[in-house]
């Protein structure tokens, strides 16, 4: 069987957020005719141990997923906007082109 680049990840984006790291990976299906996205949360739970949770997202669900995520994020922003002193704010600091680090801000 011939090995092609599609067998590996097509695209990967890492987002570091405190003790967690999120991975957004585009992968090819077995037939190599289509793509899907995996979203992985990796959390360090020991010296060398990580706990991982993964979501598989298929292209027919991309728009519904993106809409629901945007709606949830907008809701949180709207609620924090009403009570700016309540809840933890998050500051994003760009480390380089491939990473974004989020850290809680303590008032």
PDB file of N, CA and C in Angstrom:
ATOM      1  N   UNK A   1       0.842  -1.180   0.000  1.00  0.00           N
ATOM      2  CA  UNK A   1       0.000   0.000   0.000  1.00  0.00           C
ATOM      3  C   UNK A   1       0.879   1.233   0.000  1.00  0.00           C
ATOM      4  N   UNK A   2       0.545   2.210  -0.845  1.00  0.00           N
ATOM      5  CA  UNK A   2       1.332   3.429  -0.978  1.00  0.00           C
ATOM      6  C   UNK A   2       0.986   4.398   0.141  1.00  0.00           C
ATOM      7  N   UNK A   3       2.007   5.009   0.731  1.00  0.00           N
ATOM      8  CA  UNK A   3       1.810   5.994   1.787  1.00  0.00           C
ATOM      9  C   UNK A   3       1.838   7.382   1.173  1.00  0.00           C
ATOM     10  N   UNK A   4       0.822   8.179   1.497  1.00  0.00           N
ATOM     11  CA  UNK A   4       0.764   9.544   0.990  1.00  0.00           C
ATOM     12  C   UNK A   4       0.775  10.521   2.154  1.00  0.00           C
ATOM     13  N   UNK A   5       0.934  11.783   1.841  1.00  0.00           N
ATOM     14  CA  UNK A   5       0.914  12.823   2.873  1.00  0.00           C
ATOM     15  C   UNK A   5      -0.430  12.869   3.588  1.00  0.00           C
ATOM     16  N   UNK A   6      -1.517  12.417   2.911  1.00  0.00           N
ATOM     17  CA  UNK A   6      -2.837  12.468   3.520  1.00  0.00           C
ATOM     18  C   UNK A   6      -2.978  11.537   4.714  1.00  0.00           C
ATOM     19  N   UNK A   7      -2.094  10.565   4.844  1.00  0.00           N
ATOM     20  CA  UNK A   7      -2.162   9.657   5.994  1.00  0.00           C
ATOM     21  C   UNK A   7      -1.829  10.398   7.293  1.00  0.00           C
ATOM     22  N   UNK A   8      -1.033  11.432   7.201  1.00  0.00           N
ATOM     23  CA  UNK A   8      -0.655  12.218   8.361  1.00  0.00           C
ATOM     24  C   UNK A   8      -1.619  13.391   8.530  1.00  0.00           C
ATOM     25  N   UNK A   9      -1.378  14.169   9.540  1.00  0.00           N
ATOM     26  CA  UNK A   9      -2.191  15.363   9.726  1.00  0.00           C
ATOM     27  C   UNK A   9      -1.925  16.332   8.576  1.00  0.00           C
ATOM     28  N   UNK A  10      -2.982  16.926   8.090  1.00  0.00           N
ATOM     29  CA  UNK A  10      -2.898  17.878   6.984  1.00  0.00           C
ATOM     30  C   UNK A  10      -2.553  19.262   7.533  1.00  0.00           C
ATOM     31  N   UNK A  11      -3.091  19.577   8.703  1.00  0.00           N
ATOM     32  CA  UNK A  11      -2.929  20.884   9.329  1.00  0.00           C
ATOM     33  C   UNK A  11      -3.038  20.687  10.829  1.00  0.00           C
ATOM     34  N   UNK A  12      -2.264  21.443  11.591  1.00  0.00           N
ATOM     35  CA  UNK A  12      -2.353  21.358  13.048  1.00  0.00           C
ATOM     36  C   UNK A  12      -2.121  22.736  13.649  1.00  0.00           C
ATOM     37  N   UNK A  13      -2.934  23.085  14.635  1.00  0.00           N
ATOM     38  CA  UNK A  13      -2.798  24.352  15.354  1.00  0.00           C
ATOM     39  C   UNK A  13      -2.835  24.039  16.843  1.00  0.00           C
ATOM     40  N   UNK A  14      -1.831  24.531  17.572  1.00  0.00           N
ATOM     41  CA  UNK A  14      -1.747  24.306  19.022  1.00  0.00           C
ATOM     42  C   UNK A  14      -2.061  25.602  19.735  1.00  0.00           C
ATOM     43  N   UNK A  15      -2.897  25.519  20.778  1.00  0.00           N
ATOM     44  CA  UNK A  15      -3.239  26.670  21.602  1.00  0.00           C
ATOM     45  C   UNK A  15      -2.941  26.293  23.045  1.00  0.00           C
ATOM     46  N   UNK A  16      -1.987  26.982  23.641  1.00  0.00           N
ATOM     47  CA  UNK A  16      -1.662  26.734  25.053  1.00  0.00           C
ATOM     48  C   UNK A  16      -2.499  27.657  25.922  1.00  0.00           C
ATOM     49  N   UNK A  17      -3.074  27.094  26.981  1.00  0.00           N
ATOM     50  CA  UNK A  17      -3.950  27.845  27.874  1.00  0.00           C
ATOM     51  C   UNK A  17      -3.742  27.356  29.301  1.00  0.00           C
ATOM     52  N   UNK A  18      -2.765  27.937  29.979  1.00  0.00           N
ATOM     53  CA  UNK A  18      -2.484  27.523  31.350  1.00  0.00           C
ATOM     54  C   UNK A  18      -1.995  26.092  31.400  1.00  0.00           C
ATOM     55  N   UNK A  19      -2.673  25.243  32.193  1.00  0.00           N
ATOM     56  CA  UNK A  19      -2.278  23.840  32.329  1.00  0.00           C
ATOM     57  C   UNK A  19      -2.804  22.970  31.193  1.00  0.00           C
ATOM     58  N   UNK A  20      -3.593  23.571  30.317  1.00  0.00           N
ATOM     59  CA  UNK A  20      -4.181  22.821  29.211  1.00  0.00           C
ATOM     60  C   UNK A  20      -3.560  23.255  27.888  1.00  0.00           C
ATOM     61  N   UNK A  21      -3.558  22.325  26.946  1.00  0.00           N
ATOM     62  CA  UNK A  21      -3.185  22.629  25.569  1.00  0.00           C
ATOM     63  C   UNK A  21      -4.277  22.060  24.678  1.00  0.00           C
ATOM     64  N   UNK A  22      -4.692  22.848  23.714  1.00  0.00           N
ATOM     65  CA  UNK A  22      -5.704  22.419  22.767  1.00  0.00           C
ATOM     66  C   UNK A  22      -5.051  22.233  21.401  1.00  0.00           C
ATOM     67  N   UNK A  23      -5.426  21.174  20.710  1.00  0.00           N
ATOM     68  CA  UNK A  23      -4.916  20.894  19.378  1.00  0.00           C
ATOM     69  C   UNK A  23      -6.090  20.847  18.412  1.00  0.00           C
ATOM     70  N   UNK A  24      -5.984  21.569  17.311  1.00  0.00           N
ATOM     71  CA  UNK A  24      -6.962  21.548  16.243  1.00  0.00           C
ATOM     72  C   UNK A  24      -6.257  20.921  15.042  1.00  0.00           C
ATOM     73  N   UNK A  25      -6.636  19.699  14.699  1.00  0.00           N
ATOM     74  CA  UNK A  25      -5.948  18.948  13.642  1.00  0.00           C
ATOM     75  C   UNK A  25      -6.906  18.606  12.514  1.00  0.00           C
ATOM     76  N   UNK A  26      -6.458  18.847  11.286  1.00  0.00           N
ATOM     77  CA  UNK A  26      -7.206  18.431  10.109  1.00  0.00           C
ATOM     78  C   UNK A  26      -6.576  17.140   9.633  1.00  0.00           C
ATOM     79  N   UNK A  27      -7.415  16.119   9.429  1.00  0.00           N
ATOM     80  CA  UNK A  27      -6.935  14.803   8.997  1.00  0.00           C
ATOM     81  C   UNK A  27      -7.749  14.330   7.807  1.00  0.00           C
ATOM     82  N   UNK A  28      -7.187  13.403   7.051  1.00  0.00           N
ATOM     83  CA  UNK A  28      -7.888  12.817   5.904  1.00  0.00           C
ATOM     84  C   UNK A  28      -8.622  11.562   6.351  1.00  0.00           C
ATOM     85  N   UNK A  29      -9.745  11.294   5.688  1.00  0.00           N
ATOM     86  CA  UNK A  29     -10.457  10.044   5.928  1.00  0.00           C
ATOM     87  C   UNK A  29      -9.639   8.894   5.340  1.00  0.00           C
ATOM     88  N   UNK A  30     -10.025   7.671   5.647  1.00  0.00           N
ATOM     89  CA  UNK A  30      -9.297   6.502   5.123  1.00  0.00           C
ATOM     90  C   UNK A  30      -9.259   6.474   3.610  1.00  0.00           C
ATOM     91  N   UNK A  31     -10.330   6.945   2.986  1.00  0.00           N
ATOM     92  CA  UNK A  31     -10.371   6.959   1.525  1.00  0.00           C
ATOM     93  C   UNK A  31      -9.535   8.092   0.941  1.00  0.00           C
ATOM     94  N   UNK A  32      -9.086   8.984   1.803  1.00  0.00           N
ATOM     95  CA  UNK A  32      -8.281  10.148   1.423  1.00  0.00           C
ATOM     96  C   UNK A  32      -9.025  11.107   0.516  1.00  0.00           C
ATOM     97  N   UNK A  33     -10.349  10.986   0.463  1.00  0.00           N
ATOM     98  CA  UNK A  33     -11.146  11.851  -0.399  1.00  0.00           C
ATOM     99  C   UNK A  33     -11.861  12.945   0.377  1.00  0.00           C
ATOM    100  N   UNK A  34     -11.716  12.936   1.679  1.00  0.00           N
ATOM    101  CA  UNK A  34     -12.416  13.907   2.503  1.00  0.00           C
ATOM    102  C   UNK A  34     -11.574  14.219   3.736  1.00  0.00           C
ATOM    103  N   UNK A  35     -11.941  15.262   4.448  1.00  0.00           N
ATOM    104  CA  UNK A  35     -11.221  15.666   5.648  1.00  0.00           C
ATOM    105  C   UNK A  35     -12.165  15.778   6.830  1.00  0.00           C
ATOM    106  N   UNK A  36     -11.604  15.722   8.016  1.00  0.00           N
ATOM    107  CA  UNK A  36     -12.347  15.969   9.244  1.00  0.00           C
ATOM    108  C   UNK A  36     -11.409  16.668  10.221  1.00  0.00           C
ATOM    109  N   UNK A  37     -11.958  17.191  11.293  1.00  0.00           N
ATOM    110  CA  UNK A  37     -11.170  17.915  12.300  1.00  0.00           C
ATOM    111  C   UNK A  37     -11.253  17.152  13.612  1.00  0.00           C
ATOM    112  N   UNK A  38     -10.121  17.054  14.292  1.00  0.00           N
ATOM    113  CA  UNK A  38     -10.145  16.577  15.674  1.00  0.00           C
ATOM    114  C   UNK A  38      -9.736  17.750  16.561  1.00  0.00           C
ATOM    115  N   UNK A  39     -10.446  17.893  17.658  1.00  0.00           N
ATOM    116  CA  UNK A  39     -10.120  18.895  18.667  1.00  0.00           C
ATOM    117  C   UNK A  39      -9.749  18.113  19.916  1.00  0.00           C
ATOM    118  N   UNK A  40      -8.514  18.304  20.374  1.00  0.00           N
ATOM    119  CA  UNK A  40      -8.014  17.553  21.520  1.00  0.00           C
ATOM    120  C   UNK A  40      -7.643  18.506  22.642  1.00  0.00           C
ATOM    121  N   UNK A  41      -8.133  18.199  23.846  1.00  0.00           N
ATOM    122  CA  UNK A  41      -7.710  18.919  25.043  1.00  0.00           C
ATOM    123  C   UNK A  41      -6.724  18.012  25.759  1.00  0.00           C
ATOM    124  N   UNK A  42      -5.546  18.526  26.045  1.00  0.00           N
ATOM    125  CA  UNK A  42      -4.528  17.774  26.760  1.00  0.00           C
ATOM    126  C   UNK A  42      -4.205  18.524  28.047  1.00  0.00           C
ATOM    127  N   UNK A  43      -4.322  17.827  29.175  1.00  0.00           N
ATOM    128  CA  UNK A  43      -4.095  18.438  30.479  1.00  0.00           C
ATOM    129  C   UNK A  43      -3.077  17.607  31.244  1.00  0.00           C
ATOM    130  N   UNK A  44      -2.038  18.263  31.743  1.00  0.00           N
ATOM    131  CA  UNK A  44      -1.017  17.570  32.521  1.00  0.00           C
ATOM    132  C   UNK A  44      -1.586  17.212  33.891  1.00  0.00           C
ATOM    133  N   UNK A  45      -1.526  15.919  34.237  1.00  0.00           N
ATOM    134  CA  UNK A  45      -2.089  15.462  35.509  1.00  0.00           C
ATOM    135  C   UNK A  45      -1.043  14.804  36.406  1.00  0.00           C
ATOM    136  N   UNK A  46       0.159  14.767  35.952  1.00  0.00           N
ATOM    137  CA  UNK A  46       1.251  14.202  36.735  1.00  0.00           C
ATOM    138  C   UNK A  46       2.563  14.706  36.183  1.00  0.00           C
ATOM    139  N   UNK A  47       3.642  14.167  36.702  1.00  0.00           N
ATOM    140  CA  UNK A  47       4.965  14.593  36.247  1.00  0.00           C
ATOM    141  C   UNK A  47       5.132  14.404  34.744  1.00  0.00           C
ATOM    142  N   UNK A  48       4.721  13.229  34.247  1.00  0.00           N
ATOM    143  CA  UNK A  48       4.854  12.943  32.816  1.00  0.00           C
ATOM    144  C   UNK A  48       3.554  12.401  32.212  1.00  0.00           C
ATOM    145  N   UNK A  49       2.445  12.528  32.956  1.00  0.00           N
ATOM    146  CA  UNK A  49       1.171  11.963  32.517  1.00  0.00           C
ATOM    147  C   UNK A  49       0.224  13.057  32.050  1.00  0.00           C
ATOM    148  N   UNK A  50      -0.471  12.795  30.942  1.00  0.00           N
ATOM    149  CA  UNK A  50      -1.430  13.740  30.391  1.00  0.00           C
ATOM    150  C   UNK A  50      -2.783  13.075  30.239  1.00  0.00           C
ATOM    151  N   UNK A  51      -3.834  13.827  30.495  1.00  0.00           N
ATOM    152  CA  UNK A  51      -5.198  13.359  30.287  1.00  0.00           C
ATOM    153  C   UNK A  51      -5.685  14.029  29.003  1.00  0.00           C
ATOM    154  N   UNK A  52      -6.216  13.239  28.076  1.00  0.00           N
ATOM    155  CA  UNK A  52      -6.639  13.789  26.793  1.00  0.00           C
ATOM    156  C   UNK A  52      -8.102  13.489  26.526  1.00  0.00           C
ATOM    157  N   UNK A  53      -8.769  14.474  25.958  1.00  0.00           N
ATOM    158  CA  UNK A  53     -10.156  14.329  25.517  1.00  0.00           C
ATOM    159  C   UNK A  53     -10.212  14.787  24.071  1.00  0.00           C
ATOM    160  N   UNK A  54     -10.901  14.023  23.231  1.00  0.00           N
ATOM    161  CA  UNK A  54     -10.897  14.315  21.801  1.00  0.00           C
ATOM    162  C   UNK A  54     -12.314  14.368  21.257  1.00  0.00           C
ATOM    163  N   UNK A  55     -12.543  15.325  20.349  1.00  0.00           N
ATOM    164  CA  UNK A  55     -13.802  15.468  19.626  1.00  0.00           C
ATOM    165  C   UNK A  55     -13.497  15.313  18.145  1.00  0.00           C
ATOM    166  N   UNK A  56     -14.291  14.512  17.449  1.00  0.00           N
ATOM    167  CA  UNK A  56     -14.171  14.366  16.005  1.00  0.00           C
ATOM    168  C   UNK A  56     -15.286  15.194  15.378  1.00  0.00           C
ATOM    169  N   UNK A  57     -14.916  16.069  14.469  1.00  0.00           N
ATOM    170  CA  UNK A  57     -15.884  16.957  13.851  1.00  0.00           C
ATOM    171  C   UNK A  57     -15.843  16.766  12.337  1.00  0.00           C
ATOM    172  N   UNK A  58     -16.968  16.360  11.773  1.00  0.00           N
ATOM    173  CA  UNK A  58     -17.041  16.070  10.346  1.00  0.00           C
ATOM    174  C   UNK A  58     -17.615  17.259   9.588  1.00  0.00           C
ATOM    175  N   UNK A  59     -17.224  17.398   8.316  1.00  0.00           N
ATOM    176  CA  UNK A  59     -17.506  18.629   7.573  1.00  0.00           C
ATOM    177  C   UNK A  59     -18.984  18.977   7.494  1.00  0.00           C
ATOM    178  N   UNK A  60     -19.862  17.995   7.522  1.00  0.00           N
ATOM    179  CA  UNK A  60     -21.285  18.307   7.466  1.00  0.00           C
ATOM    180  C   UNK A  60     -21.762  19.005   8.740  1.00  0.00           C
ATOM    181  N   UNK A  61     -20.947  18.961   9.788  1.00  0.00           N
ATOM    182  CA  UNK A  61     -21.302  19.607  11.056  1.00  0.00           C
ATOM    183  C   UNK A  61     -20.517  20.886  11.330  1.00  0.00           C
ATOM    184  N   UNK A  62     -19.567  21.256  10.456  1.00  0.00           N
ATOM    185  CA  UNK A  62     -18.706  22.426  10.701  1.00  0.00           C
ATOM    186  C   UNK A  62     -19.517  23.689  10.981  1.00  0.00           C
ATOM    187  N   UNK A  63     -20.471  23.995  10.117  1.00  0.00           N
ATOM    188  CA  UNK A  63     -21.209  25.252  10.257  1.00  0.00           C
ATOM    189  C   UNK A  63     -22.035  25.290  11.535  1.00  0.00           C
ATOM    190  N   UNK A  64     -22.735  24.182  11.844  1.00  0.00           N
ATOM    191  CA  UNK A  64     -23.538  24.129  13.070  1.00  0.00           C
ATOM    192  C   UNK A  64     -22.644  24.269  14.302  1.00  0.00           C
ATOM    193  N   UNK A  65     -21.491  23.594  14.277  1.00  0.00           N
ATOM    194  CA  UNK A  65     -20.560  23.652  15.396  1.00  0.00           C
ATOM    195  C   UNK A  65     -20.024  25.075  15.565  1.00  0.00           C
ATOM    196  N   UNK A  66     -19.583  25.697  14.461  1.00  0.00           N
ATOM    197  CA  UNK A  66     -19.030  27.056  14.510  1.00  0.00           C
ATOM    198  C   UNK A  66     -20.089  28.045  14.990  1.00  0.00           C
ATOM    199  N   UNK A  67     -21.329  27.903  14.521  1.00  0.00           N
ATOM    200  CA  UNK A  67     -22.413  28.789  14.952  1.00  0.00           C
ATOM    201  C   UNK A  67     -22.680  28.651  16.452  1.00  0.00           C
ATOM    202  N   UNK A  68     -22.743  27.414  16.935  1.00  0.00           N
ATOM    203  CA  UNK A  68     -23.008  27.180  18.353  1.00  0.00           C
ATOM    204  C   UNK A  68     -21.857  27.696  19.217  1.00  0.00           C
ATOM    205  N   UNK A  69     -20.627  27.484  18.779  1.00  0.00           N
ATOM    206  CA  UNK A  69     -19.473  27.989  19.521  1.00  0.00           C
ATOM    207  C   UNK A  69     -19.493  29.515  19.568  1.00  0.00           C
ATOM    208  N   UNK A  70     -19.737  30.149  18.435  1.00  0.00           N
ATOM    209  CA  UNK A  70     -19.797  31.618  18.395  1.00  0.00           C
ATOM    210  C   UNK A  70     -20.904  32.146  19.299  1.00  0.00           C
ATOM    211  N   UNK A  71     -22.056  31.475  19.291  1.00  0.00           N
ATOM    212  CA  UNK A  71     -23.171  31.891  20.142  1.00  0.00           C
ATOM    213  C   UNK A  71     -22.814  31.761  21.621  1.00  0.00           C
ATOM    214  N   UNK A  72     -22.159  30.674  21.993  1.00  0.00           N
ATOM    215  CA  UNK A  72     -21.755  30.480  23.389  1.00  0.00           C
ATOM    216  C   UNK A  72     -20.720  31.523  23.806  1.00  0.00           C
ATOM    217  N   UNK A  73     -19.745  31.804  22.938  1.00  0.00           N
ATOM    218  CA  UNK A  73     -18.720  32.809  23.240  1.00  0.00           C
ATOM    219  C   UNK A  73     -19.360  34.188  23.361  1.00  0.00           C
ATOM    220  N   UNK A  74     -20.268  34.527  22.451  1.00  0.00           N
ATOM    221  CA  UNK A  74     -20.969  35.816  22.521  1.00  0.00           C
ATOM    222  C   UNK A  74     -21.751  35.938  23.820  1.00  0.00           C
ATOM    223  N   UNK A  75     -22.408  34.851  24.229  1.00  0.00           N
ATOM    224  CA  UNK A  75     -23.170  34.863  25.481  1.00  0.00           C
ATOM    225  C   UNK A  75     -22.265  35.174  26.666  1.00  0.00           C
ATOM    226  N   UNK A  76     -21.117  34.501  26.719  1.00  0.00           N
ATOM    227  CA  UNK A  76     -20.180  34.735  27.824  1.00  0.00           C
ATOM    228  C   UNK A  76     -19.689  36.179  27.802  1.00  0.00           C
ATOM    229  N   UNK A  77     -19.324  36.684  26.618  1.00  0.00           N
ATOM    230  CA  UNK A  77     -18.865  38.077  26.515  1.00  0.00           C
ATOM    231  C   UNK A  77     -19.955  39.045  26.948  1.00  0.00           C
ATOM    232  N   UNK A  78     -21.200  38.796  26.544  1.00  0.00           N
ATOM    233  CA  UNK A  78     -22.318  39.654  26.919  1.00  0.00           C
ATOM    234  C   UNK A  78     -22.539  39.632  28.425  1.00  0.00           C
ATOM    235  N   UNK A  79     -22.497  38.445  29.026  1.00  0.00           N
ATOM    236  CA  UNK A  79     -22.703  38.327  30.471  1.00  0.00           C
ATOM    237  C   UNK A  79     -21.574  38.986  31.250  1.00  0.00           C
ATOM    238  N   UNK A  80     -20.344  38.828  30.816  1.00  0.00           N
ATOM    239  CA  UNK A  80     -19.217  39.484  31.492  1.00  0.00           C
ATOM    240  C   UNK A  80     -19.298  40.985  31.309  1.00  0.00           C
ATOM    241  N   UNK A  81     -19.811  41.430  30.183  1.00  0.00           N
ATOM    242  CA  UNK A  81     -19.964  42.854  29.928  1.00  0.00           C
ATOM    243  C   UNK A  81     -20.944  43.506  30.872  1.00  0.00           C
ATOM    244  N   UNK A  82     -21.963  42.747  31.308  1.00  0.00           N
ATOM    245  CA  UNK A  82     -22.960  43.275  32.241  1.00  0.00           C
ATOM    246  C   UNK A  82     -22.387  43.423  33.640  1.00  0.00           C
ATOM    247  N   UNK A  83     -21.488  42.509  34.036  1.00  0.00           N
ATOM    248  CA  UNK A  83     -20.890  42.518  35.367  1.00  0.00           C
ATOM    249  C   UNK A  83     -19.372  42.407  35.226  1.00  0.00           C
ATOM    250  N   UNK A  84     -18.693  43.490  34.829  1.00  0.00           N
ATOM    251  CA  UNK A  84     -17.260  43.388  34.543  1.00  0.00           C
ATOM    252  C   UNK A  84     -16.401  43.005  35.744  1.00  0.00           C
ATOM    253  N   UNK A  85     -16.892  43.223  36.966  1.00  0.00           N
ATOM    254  CA  UNK A  85     -16.098  42.883  38.146  1.00  0.00           C
ATOM    255  C   UNK A  85     -16.260  41.433  38.569  1.00  0.00           C
ATOM    256  N   UNK A  86     -17.229  40.730  37.981  1.00  0.00           N
ATOM    257  CA  UNK A  86     -17.463  39.335  38.331  1.00  0.00           C
ATOM    258  C   UNK A  86     -16.806  38.425  37.312  1.00  0.00           C
ATOM    259  N   UNK A  87     -16.331  37.290  37.763  1.00  0.00           N
ATOM    260  CA  UNK A  87     -15.722  36.323  36.856  1.00  0.00           C
ATOM    261  C   UNK A  87     -14.276  36.680  36.564  1.00  0.00           C
ATOM    262  N   UNK A  88     -13.561  35.727  36.015  1.00  0.00           N
ATOM    263  CA  UNK A  88     -12.148  35.931  35.688  1.00  0.00           C
ATOM    264  C   UNK A  88     -12.029  36.373  34.241  1.00  0.00           C
ATOM    265  N   UNK A  89     -11.260  37.406  34.036  1.00  0.00           N
ATOM    266  CA  UNK A  89     -10.974  37.860  32.673  1.00  0.00           C
ATOM    267  C   UNK A  89      -9.790  37.072  32.145  1.00  0.00           C
ATOM    268  N   UNK A  90      -9.717  36.946  30.839  1.00  0.00           N
ATOM    269  CA  UNK A  90      -8.611  36.225  30.219  1.00  0.00           C
ATOM    270  C   UNK A  90      -7.886  37.166  29.276  1.00  0.00           C
ATOM    271  N   UNK A  91      -6.552  37.166  29.368  1.00  0.00           N
ATOM    272  CA  UNK A  91      -5.733  37.976  28.486  1.00  0.00           C
ATOM    273  C   UNK A  91      -4.997  37.035  27.555  1.00  0.00           C
ATOM    274  N   UNK A  92      -5.035  37.323  26.264  1.00  0.00           N
ATOM    275  CA  UNK A  92      -4.314  36.509  25.300  1.00  0.00           C
ATOM    276  C   UNK A  92      -3.040  37.229  24.916  1.00  0.00           C
ATOM    277  N   UNK A  93      -1.943  36.513  24.957  1.00  0.00           N
ATOM    278  CA  UNK A  93      -0.644  37.059  24.614  1.00  0.00           C
ATOM    279  C   UNK A  93      -0.070  36.207  23.505  1.00  0.00           C
ATOM    280  N   UNK A  94       0.207  36.815  22.373  1.00  0.00           N
ATOM    281  CA  UNK A  94       0.738  36.065  21.243  1.00  0.00           C
ATOM    282  C   UNK A  94       2.200  35.753  21.489  1.00  0.00           C
ATOM    283  N   UNK A  95       2.542  34.451  21.509  1.00  0.00           N
ATOM    284  CA  UNK A  95       3.901  34.002  21.722  1.00  0.00           C
ATOM    285  C   UNK A  95       4.656  33.992  20.409  1.00  0.00           C
ATOM    286  N   UNK A  96       4.086  33.381  19.389  1.00  0.00           N
ATOM    287  CA  UNK A  96       4.610  33.419  18.033  1.00  0.00           C
ATOM    288  C   UNK A  96       3.446  33.163  17.097  1.00  0.00           C
ATOM    289  N   UNK A  97       3.694  33.007  15.841  1.00  0.00           N
ATOM    290  CA  UNK A  97       2.616  32.851  14.881  1.00  0.00           C
ATOM    291  C   UNK A  97       1.776  31.608  15.114  1.00  0.00           C
ATOM    292  N   UNK A  98       2.337  30.573  15.758  1.00  0.00           N
ATOM    293  CA  UNK A  98       1.632  29.305  15.908  1.00  0.00           C
ATOM    294  C   UNK A  98       1.019  29.081  17.275  1.00  0.00           C
ATOM    295  N   UNK A  99       1.294  29.955  18.231  1.00  0.00           N
ATOM    296  CA  UNK A  99       0.807  29.712  19.584  1.00  0.00           C
ATOM    297  C   UNK A  99       0.127  30.949  20.149  1.00  0.00           C
ATOM    298  N   UNK A 100      -0.936  30.721  20.918  1.00  0.00           N
ATOM    299  CA  UNK A 100      -1.577  31.786  21.691  1.00  0.00           C
ATOM    300  C   UNK A 100      -1.669  31.273  23.107  1.00  0.00           C
ATOM    301  N   UNK A 101      -1.202  32.058  24.056  1.00  0.00           N
ATOM    302  CA  UNK A 101      -1.236  31.658  25.465  1.00  0.00           C
ATOM    303  C   UNK A 101      -2.293  32.486  26.153  1.00  0.00           C
ATOM    304  N   UNK A 102      -3.173  31.830  26.894  1.00  0.00           N
ATOM    305  CA  UNK A 102      -4.212  32.535  27.648  1.00  0.00           C
ATOM    306  C   UNK A 102      -3.924  32.368  29.123  1.00  0.00           C
ATOM    307  N   UNK A 103      -3.997  33.465  29.856  1.00  0.00           N
ATOM    308  CA  UNK A 103      -3.728  33.415  31.288  1.00  0.00           C
ATOM    309  C   UNK A 103      -4.820  34.202  32.019  1.00  0.00           C
ATOM    310  N   UNK A 104      -5.296  33.703  33.160  1.00  0.00           N
ATOM    311  CA  UNK A 104      -6.294  34.446  33.913  1.00  0.00           C
ATOM    312  C   UNK A 104      -5.696  35.718  34.487  1.00  0.00           C
ATOM    313  N   UNK A 105      -6.514  36.757  34.551  1.00  0.00           N
ATOM    314  CA  UNK A 105      -6.071  38.014  35.123  1.00  0.00           C
ATOM    315  C   UNK A 105      -6.698  38.136  36.495  1.00  0.00           C
ATOM    316  N   UNK A 106      -5.895  38.421  37.490  1.00  0.00           N
ATOM    317  CA  UNK A 106      -6.384  38.582  38.863  1.00  0.00           C
ATOM    318  C   UNK A 106      -6.470  40.057  39.153  1.00  0.00           C
ATOM    319  N   UNK A 107      -7.652  40.530  39.527  1.00  0.00           N
ATOM    320  CA  UNK A 107      -7.854  41.963  39.784  1.00  0.00           C
ATOM    321  C   UNK A 107      -7.464  42.318  41.196  1.00  0.00           C
TER     322      UNK A 107
END
